[in-house]
Amino acid sequence: MDDREIARARKALRGLKQFWSLDDSDIAITRLGGLTNLVFRVDHGGEQYVLRLPGKGTEEYINRANEAQAAREAAKAGVSPDVLYADPGTGIMVTKLIDDAVTMSPGKFKSIAGSPARAGKAFRKLHTSGAKFDFRFELFAMIDDYLKVLTGKDVELPEGYHDVLGQAEAVRAALNAHPLPNVACHCDPLCENFLDTDKRMWIVDWEYSGMNDPMWDLGDLAVEGEFSSAQEEEMIHAYFGGEPTAAERGRIVIYKAMCDLLWTLWGLIQHANRNPIDDFWAYSVNRFNRCKALMASPEFAGHVAAVKKG
């Protein structure tokens, strides 16, 4: 753990009323995960908190005011921990720590029995909560926005990206033929954004959240979690309480491809910003290739047709 990161965390805490009078010895700080941000566990006075410091360059594509509003709404909906402090200007956020929770990963979703079902139920609780997020998650508008961010950076798109984006116009038309009502969605269901207590699943990190087609969350988690068919069915059936319609299943499959099309660009932004956490060029290429493979599969056109039919 980098001592400079801990020093940044302590400096941030000293700026908060709850902590500013404390000596360093009164606070224990442990670095947690995070792809783009610095995330820390903070122990003080028998209480546990999570401190989030924004990562370099995130101000280019994340609205911290929208994030804070969504995080508070998600907490009210009972799917996310309470927000104790959030500064839209600095991006610093403090939330309660969920005790005895396992931070999920693709491997843990495979090994922890019932976890895909608990994730499906958490999505259902969020989507039916009536929560209203200030931001509206518009897939193709976000693709355009990310492309604009990339125009000022020294990075190339994977070969054929614009060709696949053109092919996605048929997908857009199908989705728009019978749109589902937009509801509060997480929109970035990375496995590590799920905390499992074995009784319920909590969801954290609302940076990309917004009002969206609820099937996006299911499709995206299936991709991020590298779900097997059995895991995917477990999540879907827990969410719906039974079998979805052909159109609902089709939307889930479509969004499995479209999330890769979008997050390819996100990865390129990380690559251009020299984020050291991962090889984001390889990340982007892998996501794009997976998108192309799914869209080229024989079943994909059938799912698009089912969505278009409604």
Protein backbone atom coordinates (compact mmCIF):
# COMPACT_ATOMS: atom_id res chain seq x y z
CA MET A 1 0.00 0.00 0.00
CA ASP A 2 1.41 3.39 -1.03
CA ASP A 3 2.07 5.68 1.96
CA ARG A 4 1.19 8.66 -0.26
CA GLU A 5 -2.30 7.24 -0.79
CA ILE A 6 -2.83 6.84 2.96
CA ALA A 7 -1.56 10.40 3.46
CA ARG A 8 -4.13 11.62 0.91
CA ALA A 9 -6.85 9.76 2.76
CA ARG A 10 -5.84 11.24 6.11
CA LYS A 11 -5.73 14.74 4.62
CA ALA A 12 -9.22 14.28 3.17
CA LEU A 13 -10.59 13.03 6.50
CA ARG A 14 -9.09 15.99 8.38
CA GLY A 15 -11.21 18.21 6.13
CA LEU A 16 -14.43 16.55 7.31
CA LYS A 17 -16.19 17.73 10.48
CA GLN A 18 -16.63 14.19 11.79
CA PHE A 19 -12.88 13.57 11.77
CA TRP A 20 -11.05 16.91 11.83
CA SER A 21 -10.29 16.94 15.59
CA LEU A 22 -8.87 13.44 15.61
CA ASP A 23 -5.23 12.46 15.85
CA ASP A 24 -3.88 10.06 13.23
CA SER A 25 -3.61 7.36 15.89
CA ASP A 26 -7.40 7.50 16.38
CA ILE A 27 -8.08 6.38 12.82
CA ALA A 28 -7.07 3.14 11.07
CA ILE A 29 -7.08 3.33 7.26
CA THR A 30 -6.93 0.33 4.92
CA ARG A 31 -6.79 0.59 1.13
CA LEU A 32 -9.57 -1.32 -0.64
CA GLY A 33 -10.07 -1.89 -4.39
CA GLY A 34 -11.06 0.49 -7.16
CA LEU A 35 -10.36 0.66 -10.89
CA THR A 36 -10.42 4.44 -11.26
CA ASN A 37 -10.76 5.80 -7.72
CA LEU A 38 -8.97 5.40 -4.40
CA VAL A 39 -11.19 3.57 -1.91
CA PHE A 40 -10.36 3.09 1.77
CA ARG A 41 -11.81 1.43 4.86
CA VAL A 42 -11.78 3.79 7.83
CA ASP A 43 -12.06 2.45 11.40
CA HIS A 44 -12.75 4.90 14.22
CA GLY A 45 -14.49 4.59 17.59
CA GLY A 46 -15.93 1.18 16.87
CA GLU A 47 -17.49 2.42 13.62
CA GLN A 48 -16.44 1.51 10.09
CA TYR A 49 -16.70 3.73 7.04
CA VAL A 50 -15.71 3.74 3.39
CA LEU A 51 -13.85 6.77 2.04
CA ARG A 52 -13.77 7.32 -1.72
CA LEU A 53 -11.36 9.75 -3.36
CA PRO A 54 -11.92 10.42 -7.08
CA GLY A 55 -9.38 9.15 -9.59
CA LYS A 56 -7.36 11.25 -11.99
CA GLY A 57 -9.31 12.33 -15.07
CA THR A 58 -12.70 11.09 -13.83
CA GLU A 59 -14.05 14.64 -13.91
CA GLU A 60 -14.06 14.36 -17.72
CA TYR A 61 -16.92 11.90 -17.77
CA ILE A 62 -18.50 11.65 -14.30
CA ASN A 63 -20.96 14.13 -12.80
CA ARG A 64 -20.38 13.91 -9.05
CA ALA A 65 -23.61 15.74 -8.17
CA ASN A 66 -25.63 13.15 -10.09
CA GLU A 67 -23.67 10.36 -8.44
CA ALA A 68 -24.30 11.70 -4.92
CA GLN A 69 -28.02 12.13 -5.58
CA ALA A 70 -28.30 8.58 -6.95
CA ALA A 71 -26.31 7.10 -4.06
CA ARG A 72 -28.68 8.70 -1.55
CA GLU A 73 -31.74 7.50 -3.48
CA ALA A 74 -30.31 3.98 -3.66
CA ALA A 75 -29.73 4.03 0.09
CA LYS A 76 -33.37 5.05 0.63
CA ALA A 77 -34.39 2.16 -1.63
CA GLY A 78 -32.55 -0.20 0.71
CA VAL A 79 -29.99 -1.53 -1.78
CA SER A 80 -26.95 0.63 -0.91
CA PRO A 81 -25.27 1.82 2.31
CA ASP A 82 -26.06 5.21 3.81
CA VAL A 83 -24.19 8.21 2.43
CA LEU A 84 -22.65 10.20 5.30
CA TYR A 85 -20.82 12.80 3.22
CA ALA A 86 -20.59 13.67 -0.46
CA ASP A 87 -18.98 16.74 -2.00
CA PRO A 88 -19.92 17.20 -5.68
CA GLY A 89 -17.04 19.63 -6.07
CA THR A 90 -14.21 17.39 -4.88
CA GLY A 91 -15.85 14.01 -5.46
CA ILE A 92 -15.00 12.90 -1.91
CA MET A 93 -17.61 10.54 -0.49
CA VAL A 94 -18.00 8.74 2.85
CA THR A 95 -20.49 5.89 3.35
CA LYS A 96 -21.17 3.32 6.03
CA LEU A 97 -19.28 0.04 5.69
CA ILE A 98 -21.44 -3.07 5.26
CA ASP A 99 -20.31 -5.47 8.00
CA ASP A 100 -19.43 -9.09 7.21
CA ALA A 101 -19.96 -8.63 3.48
CA VAL A 102 -17.92 -10.30 0.75
CA THR A 103 -16.81 -8.09 -2.13
CA MET A 104 -17.84 -10.04 -5.19
CA SER A 105 -15.80 -11.09 -8.23
CA PRO A 106 -16.55 -13.40 -11.16
CA GLY A 107 -15.01 -16.25 -9.19
CA LYS A 108 -17.07 -15.54 -6.09
CA PHE A 109 -20.28 -15.32 -8.09
CA LYS A 110 -19.45 -18.86 -9.22
CA SER A 111 -18.45 -20.21 -5.82
CA ILE A 112 -20.96 -18.56 -3.46
CA ALA A 113 -24.26 -20.41 -3.70
CA GLY A 114 -27.29 -18.26 -4.47
CA SER A 115 -25.32 -15.09 -5.21
CA PRO A 116 -26.64 -14.60 -8.78
CA ALA A 117 -30.19 -14.88 -7.43
CA ARG A 118 -29.47 -12.37 -4.66
CA ALA A 119 -28.10 -9.96 -7.27
CA GLY A 120 -31.25 -10.40 -9.35
CA LYS A 121 -33.42 -9.68 -6.31
CA ALA A 122 -31.37 -6.58 -5.47
CA PHE A 123 -31.89 -5.28 -9.01
CA ARG A 124 -35.61 -5.97 -8.72
CA LYS A 125 -35.76 -4.07 -5.43
CA LEU A 126 -33.99 -1.08 -6.98
CA HIS A 127 -35.95 -1.10 -10.23
CA THR A 128 -39.33 -1.28 -8.49
CA SER A 129 -38.47 1.14 -5.66
CA GLY A 130 -39.80 4.24 -7.38
CA ALA A 131 -36.42 5.94 -6.90
CA LYS A 132 -35.73 8.80 -9.30
CA PHE A 133 -32.19 9.57 -10.40
CA ASP A 134 -31.33 12.99 -11.81
CA PHE A 135 -29.29 11.55 -14.69
CA ARG A 136 -30.75 9.69 -17.65
CA PHE A 137 -28.49 6.94 -18.96
CA GLU A 138 -28.72 7.16 -22.76
CA LEU A 139 -26.61 4.40 -24.34
CA PHE A 140 -25.99 5.94 -27.75
CA ALA A 141 -25.63 9.47 -26.37
CA MET A 142 -22.98 8.18 -23.97
CA ILE A 143 -21.15 6.49 -26.85
CA ASP A 144 -21.13 9.85 -28.65
CA ASP A 145 -19.89 11.61 -25.49
CA TYR A 146 -17.07 9.11 -24.97
CA LEU A 147 -16.05 9.43 -28.62
CA LYS A 148 -15.84 13.20 -28.12
CA VAL A 149 -13.63 12.74 -25.06
CA LEU A 150 -11.35 10.48 -27.10
CA THR A 151 -10.98 12.98 -29.97
CA GLY A 152 -8.62 15.02 -27.81
CA LYS A 153 -6.50 12.04 -26.76
CA ASP A 154 -3.66 10.13 -28.37
CA VAL A 155 -5.44 6.81 -28.82
CA GLU A 156 -6.94 4.88 -31.73
CA LEU A 157 -10.20 2.96 -31.77
CA PRO A 158 -10.05 -0.81 -32.30
CA GLU A 159 -10.24 -1.62 -36.01
CA GLY A 160 -13.83 -1.80 -37.21
CA TYR A 161 -15.39 0.00 -34.26
CA HIS A 162 -17.37 2.44 -36.38
CA ASP A 163 -18.56 -0.42 -38.61
CA VAL A 164 -20.01 -2.24 -35.61
CA LEU A 165 -21.50 1.00 -34.31
CA GLY A 166 -23.26 1.36 -37.64
CA GLN A 167 -24.60 -2.19 -37.37
CA ALA A 168 -25.95 -1.29 -33.93
CA GLU A 169 -28.46 1.08 -35.55
CA ALA A 170 -30.70 -1.93 -36.15
CA VAL A 171 -30.43 -2.70 -32.44
CA ARG A 172 -31.34 0.87 -31.57
CA ALA A 173 -34.43 0.68 -33.79
CA ALA A 174 -35.53 -2.57 -32.15
CA LEU A 175 -35.09 -1.18 -28.64
CA ASN A 176 -37.04 1.95 -29.55
CA ALA A 177 -39.92 0.02 -31.14
CA HIS A 178 -41.37 -0.93 -27.75
CA PRO A 179 -39.35 0.89 -25.08
CA LEU A 180 -39.66 -0.15 -21.47
CA PRO A 181 -40.30 2.59 -18.88
CA ASN A 182 -37.01 3.96 -17.60
CA VAL A 183 -36.34 3.18 -13.94
CA ALA A 184 -33.50 3.80 -11.51
CA CYS A 185 -30.61 1.59 -12.65
CA HIS A 186 -27.06 1.02 -11.51
CA CYS A 187 -25.76 0.88 -15.11
CA ASP A 188 -22.23 -0.24 -14.15
CA PRO A 189 -22.67 -3.60 -12.41
CA LEU A 190 -19.02 -4.56 -12.09
CA CYS A 191 -18.81 -7.57 -9.80
CA GLU A 192 -16.78 -5.61 -7.26
CA ASN A 193 -19.74 -3.22 -6.89
CA PHE A 194 -21.70 -6.03 -5.20
CA LEU A 195 -21.37 -6.89 -1.51
CA ASP A 196 -22.86 -10.21 -0.41
CA THR A 197 -23.77 -11.01 3.19
CA ASP A 198 -25.11 -14.47 2.26
CA LYS A 199 -28.61 -13.19 3.09
CA ARG A 200 -28.82 -10.18 0.80
CA MET A 201 -26.84 -8.38 -1.85
CA TRP A 202 -25.85 -4.73 -1.52
CA ILE A 203 -24.84 -2.56 -4.48
CA VAL A 204 -22.30 0.29 -4.30
CA ASP A 205 -20.64 2.86 -6.62
CA TRP A 206 -23.26 4.97 -8.42
CA GLU A 207 -20.93 6.94 -10.73
CA TYR A 208 -22.65 5.85 -13.96
CA SER A 209 -26.16 5.28 -12.62
CA GLY A 210 -29.26 6.81 -14.12
CA MET A 211 -32.79 6.28 -15.32
CA ASN A 212 -32.49 3.49 -17.86
CA ASP A 213 -34.03 0.37 -19.36
CA PRO A 214 -33.92 -2.11 -16.42
CA MET A 215 -32.77 -4.96 -18.67
CA TRP A 216 -29.43 -3.16 -19.06
CA ASP A 217 -28.43 -4.04 -15.49
CA LEU A 218 -29.17 -7.75 -16.02
CA GLY A 219 -27.31 -7.97 -19.33
CA ASP A 220 -24.32 -6.03 -18.08
CA LEU A 221 -23.91 -8.09 -14.90
CA ALA A 222 -24.09 -11.31 -16.93
CA VAL A 223 -21.12 -10.02 -18.92
CA GLU A 224 -19.13 -8.57 -16.01
CA GLY A 225 -19.67 -11.70 -13.93
CA GLU A 226 -18.76 -14.00 -16.82
CA PHE A 227 -21.92 -15.88 -15.95
CA SER A 228 -22.54 -19.38 -17.19
CA SER A 229 -25.94 -20.11 -18.70
CA ALA A 230 -27.02 -21.56 -15.36
CA GLN A 231 -25.92 -18.49 -13.43
CA GLU A 232 -27.63 -16.20 -15.91
CA GLU A 233 -30.87 -18.17 -15.62
CA GLU A 234 -30.64 -18.08 -11.81
CA MET A 235 -30.33 -14.28 -11.85
CA ILE A 236 -33.09 -13.81 -14.44
CA HIS A 237 -35.58 -16.12 -12.75
CA ALA A 238 -34.95 -14.52 -9.35
CA TYR A 239 -35.51 -11.10 -10.91
CA PHE A 240 -38.74 -11.98 -12.72
CA GLY A 241 -40.01 -14.61 -10.33
CA GLY A 242 -40.28 -16.93 -13.31
CA GLU A 243 -39.61 -17.01 -17.04
CA PRO A 244 -39.22 -13.68 -18.87
CA THR A 245 -40.94 -12.98 -22.17
CA ALA A 246 -39.01 -13.41 -25.42
CA ALA A 247 -38.78 -9.62 -25.73
CA GLU A 248 -37.44 -9.23 -22.17
CA ARG A 249 -34.85 -11.96 -22.72
CA GLY A 250 -33.95 -10.40 -26.06
CA ARG A 251 -33.28 -7.04 -24.42
CA ILE A 252 -30.97 -8.71 -21.91
CA VAL A 253 -28.98 -10.35 -24.73
CA ILE A 254 -28.86 -7.11 -26.74
CA TYR A 255 -27.48 -5.23 -23.75
CA LYS A 256 -24.81 -7.88 -23.25
CA ALA A 257 -23.43 -6.75 -26.60
CA MET A 258 -24.14 -3.04 -26.17
CA CYS A 259 -22.45 -2.78 -22.76
CA ASP A 260 -19.27 -4.10 -24.36
CA LEU A 261 -19.63 -1.57 -27.19
CA LEU A 262 -19.88 1.26 -24.64
CA TRP A 263 -17.29 0.11 -22.12
CA THR A 264 -14.78 -0.43 -24.93
CA LEU A 265 -14.64 3.37 -25.16
CA TRP A 266 -14.44 3.77 -21.38
CA GLY A 267 -11.42 1.48 -21.38
CA LEU A 268 -9.78 3.54 -24.10
CA ILE A 269 -10.20 6.66 -21.97
CA GLN A 270 -8.47 4.88 -19.09
CA HIS A 271 -5.71 3.79 -21.48
CA ALA A 272 -5.26 7.35 -22.74
CA ASN A 273 -5.19 8.67 -19.17
CA ARG A 274 -2.49 6.10 -18.33
CA ASN A 275 -4.48 4.48 -15.54
CA PRO A 276 -1.95 1.98 -14.10
CA ILE A 277 -4.50 -0.40 -12.54
CA ASP A 278 -4.89 -2.56 -15.66
CA ASP A 279 -3.88 -3.00 -19.29
CA PHE A 280 -6.82 -0.99 -20.58
CA TRP A 281 -5.89 -1.36 -24.24
CA ALA A 282 -6.21 -5.14 -23.92
CA TYR A 283 -9.37 -4.62 -21.83
CA SER A 284 -10.93 -2.53 -24.63
CA VAL A 285 -9.93 -4.86 -27.44
CA ASN A 286 -11.27 -7.88 -25.55
CA ARG A 287 -14.59 -6.17 -24.90
CA PHE A 288 -14.93 -5.09 -28.51
CA ASN A 289 -14.14 -8.56 -29.80
CA ARG A 290 -16.73 -10.08 -27.46
CA CYS A 291 -19.32 -7.57 -28.70
CA LYS A 292 -18.59 -8.45 -32.33
CA ALA A 293 -18.78 -12.18 -31.62
CA LEU A 294 -22.16 -11.92 -29.92
CA MET A 295 -23.63 -9.68 -32.61
CA ALA A 296 -22.41 -12.11 -35.28
CA SER A 297 -23.89 -15.17 -33.55
CA PRO A 298 -26.88 -16.88 -35.23
CA GLU A 299 -29.10 -16.30 -32.19
CA PHE A 300 -28.54 -12.55 -31.95
CA ALA A 301 -30.73 -11.59 -34.91
CA GLY A 302 -33.56 -13.64 -33.42
CA HIS A 303 -33.32 -11.74 -30.14
CA VAL A 304 -33.34 -8.41 -32.00
CA ALA A 305 -36.45 -9.55 -33.91
CA ALA A 306 -38.19 -10.55 -30.66
CA VAL A 307 -37.46 -7.15 -29.14
CA LYS A 308 -38.70 -5.37 -32.25
CA LYS A 309 -41.91 -7.42 -32.20
CA GLY A 310 -42.47 -6.65 -28.54
